[in-house]
Protein backbone atom coordinates (compact mmCIF):
# COMPACT_ATOMS: atom_id res chain seq x y z
CA MET A 1 0.12 -0.09 0.15
CA ASP A 2 1.24 3.59 -0.83
CA ASP A 3 2.74 5.48 1.95
CA GLN A 4 0.60 8.35 1.83
CA ILE A 5 -2.49 5.97 2.04
CA CYS A 6 -0.91 4.25 5.11
CA GLU A 7 -0.20 7.55 6.73
CA PHE A 8 -3.71 9.04 6.48
CA ILE A 9 -5.38 5.70 7.39
CA ASN A 10 -3.07 5.47 10.56
CA ILE A 11 -4.13 9.28 11.66
CA LEU A 12 -7.90 8.36 11.24
CA THR A 13 -7.47 5.26 13.30
CA ASP A 14 -5.36 6.80 16.14
CA ASN A 15 -8.02 8.04 18.52
CA ARG A 16 -5.96 8.14 21.61
CA VAL A 17 -6.79 11.39 23.39
CA ASN A 18 -4.63 12.83 25.84
CA ILE A 19 -6.74 14.16 28.63
CA LYS A 20 -5.35 16.72 31.07
CA GLN A 21 -7.21 17.46 34.56
CA TYR A 22 -6.64 20.79 36.21
CA THR A 23 -7.94 22.73 39.43
CA PRO A 24 -10.88 24.44 37.88
CA GLU A 25 -10.58 28.26 37.09
CA TRP A 26 -13.75 29.83 37.12
CA ILE A 27 -14.61 30.75 33.47
CA GLY A 28 -18.19 30.65 31.90
CA ILE A 29 -19.38 29.34 28.83
CA ASN A 30 -19.87 32.82 27.68
CA ASP A 31 -16.68 34.35 28.44
CA PRO A 32 -14.81 35.33 25.43
CA ARG A 33 -11.87 33.68 26.36
CA TYR A 34 -13.77 30.06 26.39
CA ASP A 35 -13.20 28.99 22.77
CA ASN A 36 -9.37 29.44 22.85
CA PHE A 37 -8.80 29.07 26.75
CA GLU A 38 -5.39 28.53 27.62
CA PHE A 39 -5.17 26.58 30.91
CA ASN A 40 -2.43 27.25 33.50
CA GLU A 41 -0.02 24.36 33.76
CA ASP A 42 0.67 25.30 37.44
CA LEU A 43 -2.60 23.87 38.43
CA LEU A 44 -2.41 20.57 36.43
CA VAL A 45 -3.29 17.78 38.52
CA ARG A 46 -3.04 14.63 36.18
CA GLU A 47 -2.38 14.17 32.63
CA ASP A 48 -3.23 10.87 30.63
CA LEU A 49 -3.14 9.55 27.04
CA LEU A 50 -6.36 7.35 27.11
CA GLU A 51 -6.92 4.32 24.40
CA GLU A 52 -10.72 4.15 23.37
CA GLU A 53 -11.92 1.62 25.97
CA GLU A 54 -10.23 3.90 29.03
CA LEU A 55 -11.67 6.75 27.49
CA LEU A 56 -15.06 5.45 27.52
CA LYS A 57 -14.62 4.57 31.17
CA PHE A 58 -13.30 7.97 31.89
CA LEU A 59 -16.14 9.69 30.23
CA GLU A 60 -18.70 7.45 32.06
CA LEU A 61 -17.22 9.39 35.58
CA GLU A 62 -18.89 12.23 37.03
CA LEU A 63 -16.60 15.15 36.24
CA PRO A 64 -17.35 18.42 38.09
CA PHE A 65 -16.37 21.95 36.40
CA ILE A 66 -16.26 19.89 32.88
CA SER A 67 -15.45 23.02 30.57
CA ASN A 68 -13.09 24.43 33.18
CA ALA A 69 -10.86 21.65 34.78
CA ILE A 70 -10.10 19.35 31.39
CA SER A 71 -8.54 19.86 28.18
CA CYS A 72 -8.03 17.41 25.29
CA LYS A 73 -5.75 16.86 22.36
CA LEU A 74 -6.68 14.59 19.53
CA ASN A 75 -3.78 13.63 17.07
CA GLY A 76 -1.56 16.30 18.86
CA TYR A 77 -4.36 19.02 18.47
CA SER A 78 -6.46 20.72 20.80
CA GLN A 79 -7.92 23.33 18.37
CA PRO A 80 -10.57 21.93 16.14
CA THR A 81 -9.50 24.45 13.16
CA ASP A 82 -5.79 22.97 13.59
CA LEU A 83 -7.19 19.59 13.60
CA GLU A 84 -9.31 20.17 10.26
CA ASN A 85 -6.18 21.92 8.37
CA MET A 86 -3.95 18.75 9.34
CA LEU A 87 -6.68 16.40 8.03
CA GLU A 88 -7.53 18.47 4.87
CA ALA A 89 -3.71 18.33 3.92
CA GLU A 90 -3.30 14.65 4.61
CA PHE A 91 -6.62 13.70 3.00
CA GLU A 92 -5.64 15.54 -0.34
CA LYS A 93 -2.45 13.62 -0.38
CA LEU A 94 -4.51 10.56 -0.13
CA ARG A 95 -6.74 11.53 -2.96
CA ASN A 96 -3.40 12.10 -5.05
CA SER A 97 -2.13 9.14 -4.29
CA ILE A 98 -4.99 6.90 -5.26
CA ILE A 99 -5.87 8.91 -8.51
CA SER A 100 -2.19 8.69 -9.71
CA THR A 101 -1.84 4.87 -8.78
CA TYR A 102 -5.69 3.75 -9.34
CA ASN A 103 -5.21 1.10 -12.16
CA ASP A 104 -2.46 -0.25 -9.94
CA ILE A 105 -4.08 -0.69 -6.60
CA ASP A 106 -5.52 -3.86 -5.64
CA LYS A 107 -9.55 -3.08 -5.30
CA ASN A 108 -10.14 -5.56 -2.44
CA GLU A 109 -7.64 -3.56 -0.56
CA LEU A 110 -9.45 -0.42 -1.03
CA ARG A 111 -12.58 -1.96 0.23
CA ASP A 112 -10.67 -3.21 3.30
CA ILE A 113 -9.56 0.07 3.87
CA ALA A 114 -13.34 1.98 3.72
CA LYS A 115 -14.38 -1.07 5.95
CA LYS A 116 -11.73 -0.21 8.44
CA ILE A 117 -12.52 3.48 8.29
CA LYS A 118 -16.26 2.93 8.73
CA GLY A 119 -15.32 0.85 12.15
CA THR A 120 -13.26 4.10 13.13
CA ARG A 121 -16.22 6.30 12.53
CA ASN A 122 -18.61 4.19 14.51
CA GLU A 123 -16.01 4.46 17.39
CA LEU A 124 -15.61 8.09 17.36
CA GLU A 125 -19.42 8.61 17.09
CA LEU A 126 -19.79 5.98 20.25
CA ILE A 127 -17.18 8.45 22.24
CA ILE A 128 -19.14 11.77 21.11
CA ARG A 129 -22.35 10.36 23.00
CA ALA A 130 -20.51 9.30 26.00
CA SER A 131 -18.91 12.85 25.98
CA ARG A 132 -22.56 14.52 26.02
CA LYS A 133 -22.61 12.94 29.50
CA ASN A 134 -20.14 15.80 30.90
CA LYS A 135 -20.77 18.27 28.44
CA LEU A 136 -16.95 17.89 27.35
CA HIS A 137 -17.63 20.38 24.05
CA LEU A 138 -13.91 20.48 23.12
CA LEU A 139 -13.97 16.65 22.41
CA GLU A 140 -17.42 16.53 20.83
CA ARG A 141 -15.89 19.11 18.36
CA LEU A 142 -12.63 17.19 17.67
CA MET A 143 -14.29 14.03 17.34
CA SER A 144 -16.84 15.67 14.76
CA VAL A 145 -14.15 16.96 12.56
CA LYS A 146 -12.48 13.52 12.31
CA ILE A 147 -15.95 12.00 11.76
CA GLU A 148 -16.43 14.29 8.70
CA PHE A 149 -13.07 12.96 7.19
CA CYS A 150 -13.78 9.70 7.72
CA ALA A 151 -17.18 9.71 5.84
CA GLU A 152 -15.20 11.91 3.08
CA ALA A 153 -12.76 9.40 2.70
CA ILE A 154 -15.06 6.30 2.44
CA ARG A 155 -17.15 8.18 -0.18
CA PHE A 156 -14.16 8.92 -2.41
CA ILE A 157 -12.71 5.42 -1.59
CA ASN A 158 -16.03 3.81 -2.76
CA TYR A 159 -16.57 6.31 -5.37
CA PRO A 160 -13.16 7.67 -6.82
CA ILE A 161 -14.76 10.02 -9.66
CA ASN A 162 -11.38 11.62 -10.38
CA VAL A 163 -9.51 8.86 -11.48
CA LEU A 164 -9.50 10.31 -15.07
CA PRO A 165 -8.78 13.84 -16.16
CA PRO A 166 -12.08 15.98 -16.12
CA LYS A 167 -13.42 16.60 -19.72
CA LYS A 168 -13.49 20.27 -20.59
CA ILE A 169 -17.60 20.77 -21.08
CA GLU A 170 -19.98 23.50 -20.60
CA THR A 171 -21.87 22.98 -17.62
CA LYS A 172 -25.21 24.01 -17.09
CA PRO A 173 -26.16 26.68 -14.14
CA ARG A 174 -27.59 24.92 -11.23
CA LYS A 175 -31.03 26.05 -10.37
CA THR A 176 -31.13 27.84 -7.02
CA LEU A 177 -33.24 27.30 -4.43
CA GLU A 178 -36.39 29.26 -4.46
CA ASN A 179 -36.95 32.13 -1.43
CA LEU A 180 -33.46 31.57 0.12
CA THR A 181 -30.68 32.71 -2.52
CA SER A 182 -30.58 34.19 -5.83
CA LEU A 183 -26.88 32.50 -6.21
CA SER A 184 -25.93 28.90 -7.38
CA GLN A 185 -24.54 26.26 -5.24
CA ASN A 186 -20.98 27.09 -6.92
CA GLU A 187 -21.94 30.84 -6.33
CA ILE A 188 -22.51 30.67 -2.80
CA SER A 189 -19.59 28.08 -2.01
CA ILE A 190 -17.44 31.11 -3.76
CA LEU A 191 -18.97 34.12 -1.62
CA ALA A 192 -18.73 31.63 1.50
CA TYR A 193 -15.08 30.88 0.92
CA TYR A 194 -13.78 34.52 0.32
CA LEU A 195 -15.75 35.79 3.48
CA ARG A 196 -14.12 33.30 5.53
CA GLU A 197 -11.04 33.65 3.97
CA GLN A 198 -10.91 37.54 4.67
CA GLY A 199 -11.52 36.79 8.17
CA TYR A 200 -15.29 38.59 7.81
CA ILE A 201 -17.62 36.20 9.25
CA GLY A 202 -16.60 32.43 10.55
CA LYS A 203 -13.35 33.58 12.09
CA GLU A 204 -11.78 30.46 13.91
CA MET A 205 -14.67 28.32 12.92
CA THR A 206 -14.09 24.97 11.49
CA LYS A 207 -15.44 24.49 7.73
CA ILE A 208 -17.63 21.86 8.90
CA ASP A 209 -19.35 24.32 11.44
CA TYR A 210 -19.40 27.14 9.21
CA SER A 211 -20.89 25.34 6.04
CA LYS A 212 -23.50 24.34 8.43
CA HIS A 213 -24.33 27.66 9.22
CA PHE A 214 -24.13 28.89 5.06
CA SER A 215 -26.12 25.72 4.79
CA ALA A 216 -29.29 27.18 7.03
CA LEU A 217 -29.30 30.32 5.22
CA THR A 218 -28.84 29.07 1.53
CA GLY A 219 -30.68 25.67 1.53
CA PHE A 220 -27.72 24.21 -0.26
CA ALA A 221 -26.19 20.76 1.43
CA ALA A 222 -23.61 21.54 4.21
CA GLU A 223 -21.55 18.95 3.07
CA LYS A 224 -20.98 19.94 -0.19
CA ILE A 225 -20.31 23.68 0.92
CA ARG A 226 -17.41 22.20 3.14
CA GLN A 227 -15.87 20.22 0.23
CA ASP A 228 -16.05 23.20 -2.25
CA LEU A 229 -14.17 25.61 0.72
CA SER A 230 -11.50 22.75 0.68
CA HIS A 231 -11.65 22.69 -3.21
CA LEU A 232 -11.44 26.53 -3.43
CA SER A 233 -8.44 26.76 -1.13
CA ASN A 234 -5.09 27.77 -2.52
CA ARG A 235 -3.58 24.44 -0.71
CA SER A 236 -5.89 21.93 -2.90
CA SER A 237 -4.76 20.86 -6.40
CA SER A 238 -7.98 18.80 -6.50
CA VAL A 239 -9.27 18.54 -10.01
CA GLU A 240 -12.76 19.19 -8.76
CA SER A 241 -11.69 22.89 -8.36
CA VAL A 242 -12.35 22.98 -12.37
CA GLU A 243 -15.91 23.04 -11.61
CA PHE A 244 -16.09 26.68 -10.84
CA GLN A 245 -16.44 28.48 -13.85
CA GLU A 246 -15.10 32.41 -14.39
CA ARG A 247 -18.69 33.61 -15.28
CA GLU A 248 -19.63 32.26 -11.41
CA TYR A 249 -16.49 34.34 -9.99
CA LYS A 250 -18.25 37.45 -11.98
CA ARG A 251 -21.47 37.03 -10.67
CA VAL A 252 -20.52 36.97 -7.10
CA LYS A 253 -18.81 39.97 -7.63
CA ARG A 254 -21.56 41.74 -9.61
CA ALA A 255 -23.68 40.69 -6.34
CA LEU A 256 -21.04 42.21 -4.08
CA ASP A 257 -21.05 45.18 -6.06
CA GLN A 258 -24.73 45.86 -5.90
CA VAL A 259 -24.19 45.21 -2.07
CA ILE A 260 -21.54 47.93 -1.95
CA ALA A 261 -23.75 50.44 -4.25
CA ALA A 262 -26.81 49.94 -1.85
CA ILE A 263 -24.43 50.76 1.28
CA LYS A 264 -22.97 53.98 -0.45
CA LYS A 265 -26.58 55.08 -1.40
CA ASP A 266 -27.90 54.67 2.26
CA THR A 267 -24.77 56.21 3.64
CA ASP A 268 -24.96 59.22 1.52
CA VAL A 269 -28.57 59.51 2.68
CA LYS A 270 -28.12 58.93 6.05
CA PHE A 271 -24.78 60.78 6.78
CA SER A 272 -24.80 63.73 4.20
CA SER A 273 -24.46 67.14 5.33
CA PRO A 274 -27.70 69.36 5.15
CA LEU A 275 -27.60 72.30 2.85
């Protein structure tokens, strides 16, 4: 098996969690420090690297002040956005490896890999259910990121639609969802990408969570928006990026120009000096 494939599978199936327990510091869930809270290492009580069975037993305990007294790392990452970026880069390597060697790969081996990843996804879902007892939100978010990439890896391994170079054909514009947006699926993804990339909305939010919110606003599938955000990234060399046409970029730009014109008009009306 190719080294890149092995490396990604090893990452997905390594679900050991580093748990640190601290003397609680009083910080509320609505405190602005909560999402990126840094624990005081002087208050560290205990640190453990827990395998799945040990982790499930740990999560069955009654843990006081859980949001404040417990930190965790999965695959070496304590922030969901950092874990997502790492998995995205590794998944891109897996895709490229399978695409470039597809004709030589044992297809039974690929099916075994997909089965193994499905088992890992089930384990992660079990851990998430157990973590909810003590409201260990960070662990749940980290596990949710891995579940998303397990699902995406399974889909790609089972249906590697990009093993052949894409044909250059004119695609028909997608029908927009009535009453929710006048933009197409691709145009919404382009808009979502640049708003997030420039830090205007969704800052420090994982693509998974961000795409769910955009899905609620537009009606398009969150899963597709998340994949599009990765394909539009400069870090991605996915051939699926050719799916986005120049006319779609231009239509998004025209829409933003209209927003700017409306803001300028209202600004002139509201703040212009009276004669």
